[in-house]
Each structure stands twice: as C-alpha cells, then as structure tokens.
Amino acid sequence: MAFTVLNSRMVQARVAPGTTLFSQRGAMLAYTGEVRFTPSITGGQGGVRGMIGRRVTGEATPLMTVEGDGTVMFGHGGHHVQVIDLWGETLHVEADRVLAFDGTLRQGTVFLGSQGGVMGVVRGQMTGQGLFTTTLEGNGSAAVLAHGGVIELPVVPGRPVHVDPQAYVAHRGEIRTRLSTALGWRDMVGRGSGEAFQLELSGTGTVYVQASEEKL
C-alpha cells in the first residue's frame, strides 16, 4: 500500500478490505468511505515486548489501527512528511517521527545500548532521542515526520557519513551508527563550533537528514 504525497505536509493512503494500516493517534486529517480507527496495543507485528520496554521509559508513541474501505489523509503538527518505501529492508526511526506505515511491515524496538554498548546509551541521552529506537522491516511504505524537509544521503563502504544528531531523522540498510566527538579545549570554554558531537553512519544504505536541528 503506497502513500500518495498531497503536499509537503500531507499524505494520502488507500485502505482496502483485508488490509491494515497503522498511524500515530491524532494524525488523521480527513477520510472518505467506510474506515474504522481503533487503538493499537502492539503497534504492528511483533511489537508487544518492544512496546512494554518503551512504556517503562515513557518513550512509546500511541498508534491506531486503520481498516475498512476508503481513503485517509494524514498529517501532524504541520511537520514535513517523507515517504520511505522498503523492499525487504529495515528502517530505523524514532517512534514520535512515525506518522503512518503499512500493516505489512514488522515493527520492533532496539535498545541503543545493544548497538554500540555504552556509547549507544550515551548517544540516546546526549541527543535526546531516548534509549530505544523503532524498526520497521519488510515490504511496504512508511511516512515519517521532519522539520523543514528531508534530504537522502547515500552511505557506501569506506565513506561514512557524519550527521548532527539533532538533524538525524532515520536510516535504512546495513548501517552501523556511533556517536563521535570532536570535543576540545575551545568547546570546554564555550568557544567551539557547536558541533562537538556527531552521529557517524557507516556501511551500506541511506540516511535521512532534516533541514533543522529542532526536535519534534
């Protein structure tokens, strides 16, 4: 089920009998046809254990299940919307940035400490992204939120990409992440560039970067 981009801040999805769509609660702007919206406990396939972990830390984002026969328009807070199509890949994205996604995608939760040990936890605390990140895997589409639009940067072997942690939106593919630092004496006394911490992504895939350092 592909999303149709209506403008930079709104997308539309066709809901057909026998199909399921998940969206952030409160993201429905309008719809036509016979469409049902119900609260989702798991937030997709395989999401129970992850949702429990996220609720303990207060990082869960409530979702709703969208079913029926009709067309639904989604948007949230006037934020820009980026549609990402997955073909057997895994998308890593913060839960509060997920606007909507196909029910064909399997949702999971990854503890940042398991991807980078202590530095994974430090990354979550330093960037304000929390200790968990959401994964969407399989064949389908996801619509994610961002400030000021999104650019896609390819990540290729031997050429890591460095991103301001606050501008990072999501990534997909076989990518490793770590928080790198360029902290020096100028930063300690407040005369540095303000770019002391960077998110380094290496491997093969794509990273999505927003045109702002503002959190949602």
Protein backbone atom coordinates (compact mmCIF):
# COMPACT_ATOMS: atom_id res chain seq x y z
CA MET A 1 0.00 0.00 0.00
CA ALA A 2 1.80 3.11 -1.19
CA PHE A 3 1.24 6.59 0.19
CA THR A 4 0.38 9.43 -2.17
CA VAL A 5 2.04 12.76 -1.36
CA LEU A 6 -0.60 15.52 -1.45
CA ASN A 7 1.82 18.28 -0.45
CA SER A 8 4.95 18.56 1.70
CA ARG A 9 2.89 18.15 4.90
CA MET A 10 0.11 15.73 3.94
CA VAL A 11 -0.08 12.21 2.55
CA GLN A 12 -2.98 10.03 1.47
CA ALA A 13 -3.43 6.26 1.69
CA ARG A 14 -5.98 3.91 0.15
CA VAL A 15 -7.41 1.44 2.67
CA ALA A 16 -8.94 -1.69 1.12
CA PRO A 17 -10.80 -4.60 2.70
CA GLY A 18 -8.39 -7.15 4.12
CA THR A 19 -5.55 -4.64 4.54
CA THR A 20 -4.35 -2.81 7.63
CA LEU A 21 -2.61 0.49 8.17
CA PHE A 22 -1.10 1.87 11.37
CA SER A 23 -0.80 5.57 12.17
CA GLN A 24 0.10 7.86 15.02
CA ARG A 25 -3.01 8.69 17.04
CA GLY A 26 -4.43 12.06 16.10
CA ALA A 27 -2.74 12.02 12.69
CA MET A 28 -5.93 11.52 10.66
CA LEU A 29 -6.88 14.76 8.92
CA ALA A 30 -9.79 13.56 6.77
CA TYR A 31 -11.16 10.43 5.16
CA THR A 32 -13.75 9.18 2.70
CA GLY A 33 -15.55 5.85 2.63
CA GLU A 34 -16.14 3.31 5.42
CA VAL A 35 -12.99 3.49 7.55
CA ARG A 36 -12.51 2.29 11.15
CA PHE A 37 -9.96 3.65 13.63
CA THR A 38 -9.14 1.61 16.74
CA PRO A 39 -6.36 1.91 19.35
CA SER A 40 -3.43 -0.41 18.72
CA ILE A 41 -1.73 -2.05 21.71
CA THR A 42 1.16 -3.69 19.88
CA GLY A 43 1.60 -1.16 17.10
CA GLY A 44 2.14 -3.75 14.40
CA GLN A 45 3.57 -7.24 14.10
CA GLY A 46 5.94 -8.40 16.80
CA GLY A 47 5.75 -5.19 18.80
CA VAL A 48 4.49 -6.36 22.22
CA ARG A 49 7.80 -6.79 24.03
CA GLY A 50 9.20 -3.62 22.50
CA MET A 51 6.16 -1.59 23.45
CA ILE A 52 6.44 -2.76 27.06
CA GLY A 53 10.05 -1.66 27.20
CA ARG A 54 9.27 1.71 25.66
CA ARG A 55 6.37 2.35 28.03
CA VAL A 56 8.63 1.72 31.03
CA THR A 57 10.89 4.54 29.84
CA GLY A 58 7.99 6.74 28.70
CA GLU A 59 9.07 6.62 25.05
CA ALA A 60 6.08 4.87 23.49
CA THR A 61 4.02 6.71 20.88
CA PRO A 62 0.34 5.65 20.79
CA LEU A 63 -0.77 4.17 17.49
CA MET A 64 -4.13 3.39 15.94
CA THR A 65 -5.17 0.67 13.52
CA VAL A 66 -6.84 1.87 10.32
CA GLU A 67 -9.07 -0.60 8.43
CA GLY A 68 -12.06 -0.60 6.09
CA ASP A 69 -12.65 0.63 2.57
CA GLY A 70 -11.79 4.22 1.75
CA THR A 71 -9.13 6.90 1.53
CA VAL A 72 -7.42 8.54 4.52
CA MET A 73 -5.33 11.71 4.67
CA PHE A 74 -2.60 12.02 7.31
CA GLY A 75 -0.51 14.85 8.74
CA HIS A 76 0.65 16.04 12.13
CA GLY A 77 1.56 19.42 13.59
CA GLY A 78 2.27 20.93 10.20
CA HIS A 79 5.54 18.95 10.03
CA HIS A 80 7.02 17.90 6.70
CA VAL A 81 6.28 14.32 5.68
CA GLN A 82 8.73 11.97 3.97
CA VAL A 83 7.53 8.71 2.40
CA ILE A 84 10.05 5.84 2.53
CA ASP A 85 9.49 2.66 0.51
CA LEU A 86 11.05 -0.52 1.88
CA TRP A 87 11.85 -3.65 -0.13
CA GLY A 88 12.88 -6.23 2.43
CA GLU A 89 14.95 -3.62 4.28
CA THR A 90 14.90 -2.37 7.86
CA LEU A 91 14.16 1.25 8.68
CA HIS A 92 15.41 2.71 11.98
CA VAL A 93 13.39 5.74 13.07
CA GLU A 94 12.34 7.42 16.31
CA ALA A 95 8.81 6.44 17.38
CA ASP A 96 7.49 10.01 17.56
CA ARG A 97 8.53 10.57 13.93
CA VAL A 98 6.39 7.70 12.60
CA LEU A 99 3.27 9.19 11.03
CA ALA A 100 1.87 6.04 9.41
CA PHE A 101 3.03 2.73 7.95
CA ASP A 102 1.75 -0.34 6.13
CA GLY A 103 0.50 -3.24 8.21
CA THR A 104 2.73 -5.49 6.09
CA LEU A 105 5.76 -4.09 7.89
CA ARG A 106 7.02 -5.74 11.08
CA GLN A 107 7.60 -3.30 13.90
CA GLY A 108 10.26 -3.83 16.54
CA THR A 109 12.23 -1.94 19.16
CA VAL A 110 16.01 -1.81 19.50
CA PHE A 111 17.77 -0.80 22.72
CA LEU A 112 20.53 1.62 21.73
CA GLY A 113 22.92 0.03 24.21
CA SER A 114 22.84 -3.15 22.11
CA GLN A 115 24.15 -1.21 19.10
CA GLY A 116 27.25 0.43 20.43
CA GLY A 117 27.27 -0.63 24.09
CA VAL A 118 27.74 2.26 26.47
CA MET A 119 28.16 4.69 23.58
CA GLY A 120 24.72 3.68 22.35
CA VAL A 121 23.21 4.75 25.65
CA VAL A 122 25.29 7.94 25.66
CA ARG A 123 24.02 8.72 22.17
CA GLY A 124 20.42 8.41 23.35
CA GLN A 125 20.98 10.66 26.33
CA MET A 126 23.14 13.27 24.56
CA THR A 127 20.88 13.61 21.51
CA GLY A 128 17.58 13.47 23.36
CA GLN A 129 16.43 10.58 21.15
CA GLY A 130 15.83 8.28 24.11
CA LEU A 131 17.23 4.83 24.83
CA PHE A 132 15.15 2.95 22.25
CA THR A 133 14.58 3.28 18.53
CA THR A 134 11.80 1.81 16.39
CA THR A 135 12.43 -0.56 13.49
CA LEU A 136 10.12 -1.23 10.54
CA GLU A 137 11.06 -4.20 8.39
CA GLY A 138 9.71 -5.90 5.28
CA ASN A 139 7.96 -4.79 2.10
CA GLY A 140 5.85 -1.68 2.37
CA SER A 141 5.87 2.06 2.92
CA ALA A 142 6.25 4.35 5.90
CA ALA A 143 5.56 8.06 6.27
CA VAL A 144 7.84 9.86 8.75
CA LEU A 145 7.85 13.40 10.13
CA ALA A 146 10.59 16.00 9.93
CA HIS A 147 11.26 19.72 10.31
CA GLY A 148 11.93 21.72 7.15
CA GLY A 149 12.01 18.83 4.69
CA VAL A 150 14.36 15.89 4.26
CA ILE A 151 17.35 15.01 2.10
CA GLU A 152 18.60 11.46 1.44
CA LEU A 153 22.32 10.82 1.78
CA PRO A 154 23.79 7.55 0.49
CA VAL A 155 26.12 5.63 2.80
CA VAL A 156 28.71 3.49 1.00
CA PRO A 157 31.52 1.28 2.33
CA GLY A 158 34.64 3.22 3.22
CA ARG A 159 32.87 6.59 3.17
CA PRO A 160 31.00 7.16 6.44
CA VAL A 161 28.51 10.00 6.72
CA HIS A 162 28.55 12.34 9.72
CA VAL A 163 25.27 13.93 10.79
CA ASP A 164 24.31 16.37 13.50
CA PRO A 165 22.38 14.13 15.96
CA GLN A 166 19.55 16.66 16.16
CA ALA A 167 19.18 16.71 12.35
CA TYR A 168 19.07 12.91 12.07
CA VAL A 169 15.65 11.52 11.10
CA ALA A 170 16.09 7.87 10.15
CA HIS A 171 18.24 5.39 8.27
CA ARG A 172 17.78 2.15 6.37
CA GLY A 173 20.06 -0.61 5.13
CA GLU A 174 23.08 -2.31 6.68
CA ILE A 175 24.34 0.67 8.63
CA ARG A 176 26.31 0.93 11.86
CA THR A 177 25.95 4.05 13.99
CA ARG A 178 28.14 5.53 16.68
CA LEU A 179 28.45 8.87 18.44
CA SER A 180 31.75 10.54 17.68
CA THR A 181 33.16 13.58 19.41
CA ALA A 182 35.44 16.41 18.41
CA LEU A 183 35.46 17.91 21.89
CA GLY A 184 38.47 20.13 22.50
CA TRP A 185 39.53 22.91 24.82
CA ARG A 186 37.62 25.54 22.82
CA ASP A 187 34.38 23.61 23.38
CA MET A 188 35.15 23.35 27.07
CA VAL A 189 35.34 27.15 27.37
CA GLY A 190 32.39 27.82 25.07
CA ARG A 191 34.33 28.97 22.01
CA GLY A 192 33.92 25.91 19.84
CA SER A 193 31.93 25.42 16.67
CA GLY A 194 28.94 23.98 18.49
CA GLU A 195 29.37 20.71 16.56
CA ALA A 196 31.17 18.76 19.30
CA PHE A 197 29.05 15.62 18.87
CA GLN A 198 28.33 13.95 15.55
CA LEU A 199 26.48 10.78 14.58
CA GLU A 200 28.70 8.65 12.34
CA LEU A 201 26.97 6.19 9.98
CA SER A 202 28.98 3.58 8.08
CA GLY A 203 28.17 0.58 5.91
CA THR A 204 25.65 0.48 3.07
CA GLY A 205 22.31 2.25 2.99
CA THR A 206 20.62 5.64 3.21
CA VAL A 207 20.37 8.22 5.98
CA TYR A 208 17.58 10.81 6.10
CA VAL A 209 18.50 14.27 7.38
CA GLN A 210 16.12 17.13 8.15
CA ALA A 211 16.80 20.81 7.44
CA SER A 212 16.65 21.72 11.12
CA GLU A 213 18.14 20.83 14.49
CA GLU A 214 14.72 21.11 16.14
CA LYS A 215 13.15 18.08 17.83
CA LEU A 216 9.50 17.21 17.19
